[in-house]
PDB file of N, CA and C in Angstrom:
ATOM      1  N   MET A   1      -6.348 -53.744  45.644  1.00  0.00           N
ATOM      2  CA  MET A   1      -7.718 -53.455  46.025  1.00  0.00           C
ATOM      3  C   MET A   1      -8.708 -54.213  45.146  1.00  0.00           C
ATOM      4  N   LEU A   2      -8.411 -54.276  43.863  1.00  0.00           N
ATOM      5  CA  LEU A   2      -9.335 -54.935  42.946  1.00  0.00           C
ATOM      6  C   LEU A   2      -9.453 -56.430  43.204  1.00  0.00           C
ATOM      7  N   GLU A   3      -8.494 -56.979  43.914  1.00  0.00           N
ATOM      8  CA  GLU A   3      -8.581 -58.395  44.271  1.00  0.00           C
ATOM      9  C   GLU A   3      -9.623 -58.630  45.361  1.00  0.00           C
ATOM     10  N   LYS A   4      -9.914 -57.579  46.128  1.00  0.00           N
ATOM     11  CA  LYS A   4     -10.832 -57.704  47.261  1.00  0.00           C
ATOM     12  C   LYS A   4     -12.256 -57.266  46.927  1.00  0.00           C
ATOM     13  N   GLU A   5     -12.394 -56.270  46.037  1.00  0.00           N
ATOM     14  CA  GLU A   5     -13.719 -55.744  45.725  1.00  0.00           C
ATOM     15  C   GLU A   5     -13.772 -55.201  44.304  1.00  0.00           C
ATOM     16  N   GLU A   6     -14.983 -55.026  43.800  1.00  0.00           N
ATOM     17  CA  GLU A   6     -15.176 -54.546  42.436  1.00  0.00           C
ATOM     18  C   GLU A   6     -14.871 -53.050  42.342  1.00  0.00           C
ATOM     19  N   LEU A   7     -14.461 -52.633  41.153  1.00  0.00           N
ATOM     20  CA  LEU A   7     -14.111 -51.230  40.926  1.00  0.00           C
ATOM     21  C   LEU A   7     -15.277 -50.306  41.258  1.00  0.00           C
ATOM     22  N   SER A   8     -16.469 -50.722  40.937  1.00  0.00           N
ATOM     23  CA  SER A   8     -17.636 -49.868  41.176  1.00  0.00           C
ATOM     24  C   SER A   8     -17.845 -49.542  42.657  1.00  0.00           C
ATOM     25  N   SER A   9     -17.350 -50.392  43.535  1.00  0.00           N
ATOM     26  CA  SER A   9     -17.525 -50.135  44.971  1.00  0.00           C
ATOM     27  C   SER A   9     -16.320 -49.454  45.613  1.00  0.00           C
ATOM     28  N   ILE A  10     -15.252 -49.254  44.846  1.00  0.00           N
ATOM     29  CA  ILE A  10     -14.052 -48.585  45.352  1.00  0.00           C
ATOM     30  C   ILE A  10     -14.179 -47.088  45.097  1.00  0.00           C
ATOM     31  N   THR A  11     -13.945 -46.293  46.115  1.00  0.00           N
ATOM     32  CA  THR A  11     -14.019 -44.837  45.967  1.00  0.00           C
ATOM     33  C   THR A  11     -12.612 -44.241  45.884  1.00  0.00           C
ATOM     34  N   VAL A  12     -12.555 -43.005  45.444  1.00  0.00           N
ATOM     35  CA  VAL A  12     -11.277 -42.294  45.430  1.00  0.00           C
ATOM     36  C   VAL A  12     -10.749 -42.189  46.857  1.00  0.00           C
ATOM     37  N   ASN A  13     -11.624 -41.999  47.819  1.00  0.00           N
ATOM     38  CA  ASN A  13     -11.192 -41.966  49.226  1.00  0.00           C
ATOM     39  C   ASN A  13     -10.532 -43.276  49.626  1.00  0.00           C
ATOM     40  N   ASP A  14     -11.097 -44.394  49.190  1.00  0.00           N
ATOM     41  CA  ASP A  14     -10.506 -45.704  49.482  1.00  0.00           C
ATOM     42  C   ASP A  14      -9.107 -45.807  48.887  1.00  0.00           C
ATOM     43  N   ILE A  15      -8.969 -45.377  47.652  1.00  0.00           N
ATOM     44  CA  ILE A  15      -7.674 -45.430  46.960  1.00  0.00           C
ATOM     45  C   ILE A  15      -6.654 -44.566  47.690  1.00  0.00           C
ATOM     46  N   CYS A  16      -7.063 -43.360  48.057  1.00  0.00           N
ATOM     47  CA  CYS A  16      -6.156 -42.441  48.744  1.00  0.00           C
ATOM     48  C   CYS A  16      -5.737 -42.976  50.106  1.00  0.00           C
ATOM     49  N   LYS A  17      -6.665 -43.564  50.814  1.00  0.00           N
ATOM     50  CA  LYS A  17      -6.347 -44.129  52.126  1.00  0.00           C
ATOM     51  C   LYS A  17      -5.332 -45.264  51.982  1.00  0.00           C
ATOM     52  N   GLU A  18      -5.542 -46.126  51.009  1.00  0.00           N
ATOM     53  CA  GLU A  18      -4.640 -47.258  50.772  1.00  0.00           C
ATOM     54  C   GLU A  18      -3.255 -46.779  50.329  1.00  0.00           C
ATOM     55  N   ALA A  19      -3.223 -45.731  49.504  1.00  0.00           N
ATOM     56  CA  ALA A  19      -1.964 -45.222  48.957  1.00  0.00           C
ATOM     57  C   ALA A  19      -1.287 -44.197  49.873  1.00  0.00           C
ATOM     58  N   LEU A  20      -1.977 -43.814  50.943  1.00  0.00           N
ATOM     59  CA  LEU A  20      -1.456 -42.805  51.878  1.00  0.00           C
ATOM     60  C   LEU A  20      -1.169 -41.475  51.186  1.00  0.00           C
ATOM     61  N   VAL A  21      -2.112 -41.048  50.339  1.00  0.00           N
ATOM     62  CA  VAL A  21      -2.018 -39.744  49.688  1.00  0.00           C
ATOM     63  C   VAL A  21      -3.311 -38.977  49.941  1.00  0.00           C
ATOM     64  N   HIS A  22      -3.219 -37.668  49.875  1.00  0.00           N
ATOM     65  CA  HIS A  22      -4.381 -36.810  50.056  1.00  0.00           C
ATOM     66  C   HIS A  22      -5.178 -36.780  48.752  1.00  0.00           C
ATOM     67  N   ARG A  23      -6.474 -36.580  48.857  1.00  0.00           N
ATOM     68  CA  ARG A  23      -7.324 -36.507  47.648  1.00  0.00           C
ATOM     69  C   ARG A  23      -6.845 -35.429  46.687  1.00  0.00           C
ATOM     70  N   THR A  24      -6.378 -34.305  47.220  1.00  0.00           N
ATOM     71  CA  THR A  24      -5.874 -33.232  46.362  1.00  0.00           C
ATOM     72  C   THR A  24      -4.731 -33.731  45.495  1.00  0.00           C
ATOM     73  N   THR A  25      -3.844 -34.499  46.077  1.00  0.00           N
ATOM     74  CA  THR A  25      -2.722 -35.069  45.331  1.00  0.00           C
ATOM     75  C   THR A  25      -3.231 -36.022  44.260  1.00  0.00           C
ATOM     76  N   PHE A  26      -4.187 -36.853  44.605  1.00  0.00           N
ATOM     77  CA  PHE A  26      -4.772 -37.774  43.626  1.00  0.00           C
ATOM     78  C   PHE A  26      -5.293 -36.996  42.425  1.00  0.00           C
ATOM     79  N   TYR A  27      -6.084 -35.960  42.689  1.00  0.00           N
ATOM     80  CA  TYR A  27      -6.715 -35.206  41.606  1.00  0.00           C
ATOM     81  C   TYR A  27      -5.741 -34.314  40.840  1.00  0.00           C
ATOM     82  N   LYS A  28      -4.565 -34.071  41.363  1.00  0.00           N
ATOM     83  CA  LYS A  28      -3.531 -33.370  40.591  1.00  0.00           C
ATOM     84  C   LYS A  28      -2.997 -34.255  39.480  1.00  0.00           C
ATOM     85  N   HIS A  29      -3.098 -35.572  39.676  1.00  0.00           N
ATOM     86  CA  HIS A  29      -2.517 -36.532  38.733  1.00  0.00           C
ATOM     87  C   HIS A  29      -3.553 -37.279  37.899  1.00  0.00           C
ATOM     88  N   PHE A  30      -4.751 -37.439  38.427  1.00  0.00           N
ATOM     89  CA  PHE A  30      -5.774 -38.233  37.751  1.00  0.00           C
ATOM     90  C   PHE A  30      -7.122 -37.530  37.813  1.00  0.00           C
ATOM     91  N   TYR A  31      -7.906 -37.701  36.747  1.00  0.00           N
ATOM     92  CA  TYR A  31      -9.235 -37.100  36.679  1.00  0.00           C
ATOM     93  C   TYR A  31     -10.210 -37.831  37.602  1.00  0.00           C
ATOM     94  N   ASP A  32     -10.137 -39.152  37.589  1.00  0.00           N
ATOM     95  CA  ASP A  32     -10.995 -39.983  38.430  1.00  0.00           C
ATOM     96  C   ASP A  32     -10.379 -41.373  38.558  1.00  0.00           C
ATOM     97  N   LYS A  33     -11.067 -42.285  39.200  1.00  0.00           N
ATOM     98  CA  LYS A  33     -10.512 -43.623  39.412  1.00  0.00           C
ATOM     99  C   LYS A  33     -10.354 -44.381  38.100  1.00  0.00           C
ATOM    100  N   TYR A  34     -11.173 -44.058  37.119  1.00  0.00           N
ATOM    101  CA  TYR A  34     -11.058 -44.722  35.817  1.00  0.00           C
ATOM    102  C   TYR A  34      -9.813 -44.236  35.073  1.00  0.00           C
ATOM    103  N   ASP A  35      -9.482 -42.980  35.241  1.00  0.00           N
ATOM    104  CA  ASP A  35      -8.251 -42.431  34.673  1.00  0.00           C
ATOM    105  C   ASP A  35      -7.039 -43.128  35.292  1.00  0.00           C
ATOM    106  N   LEU A  36      -7.066 -43.337  36.591  1.00  0.00           N
ATOM    107  CA  LEU A  36      -6.002 -44.075  37.277  1.00  0.00           C
ATOM    108  C   LEU A  36      -5.905 -45.495  36.736  1.00  0.00           C
ATOM    109  N   LEU A  37      -7.028 -46.146  36.556  1.00  0.00           N
ATOM    110  CA  LEU A  37      -7.035 -47.514  36.037  1.00  0.00           C
ATOM    111  C   LEU A  37      -6.406 -47.575  34.648  1.00  0.00           C
ATOM    112  N   MET A  38      -6.745 -46.645  33.786  1.00  0.00           N
ATOM    113  CA  MET A  38      -6.162 -46.624  32.438  1.00  0.00           C
ATOM    114  C   MET A  38      -4.656 -46.401  32.510  1.00  0.00           C
ATOM    115  N   TYR A  39      -4.211 -45.546  33.417  1.00  0.00           N
ATOM    116  CA  TYR A  39      -2.779 -45.311  33.604  1.00  0.00           C
ATOM    117  C   TYR A  39      -2.072 -46.600  34.026  1.00  0.00           C
ATOM    118  N   VAL A  40      -2.660 -47.311  34.953  1.00  0.00           N
ATOM    119  CA  VAL A  40      -2.058 -48.549  35.460  1.00  0.00           C
ATOM    120  C   VAL A  40      -2.029 -49.620  34.374  1.00  0.00           C
ATOM    121  N   LEU A  41      -3.056 -49.691  33.574  1.00  0.00           N
ATOM    122  CA  LEU A  41      -3.135 -50.727  32.542  1.00  0.00           C
ATOM    123  C   LEU A  41      -2.218 -50.470  31.357  1.00  0.00           C
ATOM    124  N   HIS A  42      -1.825 -49.233  31.160  1.00  0.00           N
ATOM    125  CA  HIS A  42      -0.915 -48.924  30.044  1.00  0.00           C
ATOM    126  C   HIS A  42       0.460 -48.873  30.573  1.00  0.00           C
TER     127      HIS A  42
END
């Protein structure tokens, strides 16, 4: 996703749609999109 658009314009809904997960599932694992980014980078 980051190859196509900037992080500031990506929403949690966008991430969930791309990953085929429900928002509830996302928030069980991550606080926000920045938390997800830190997880991916480490």
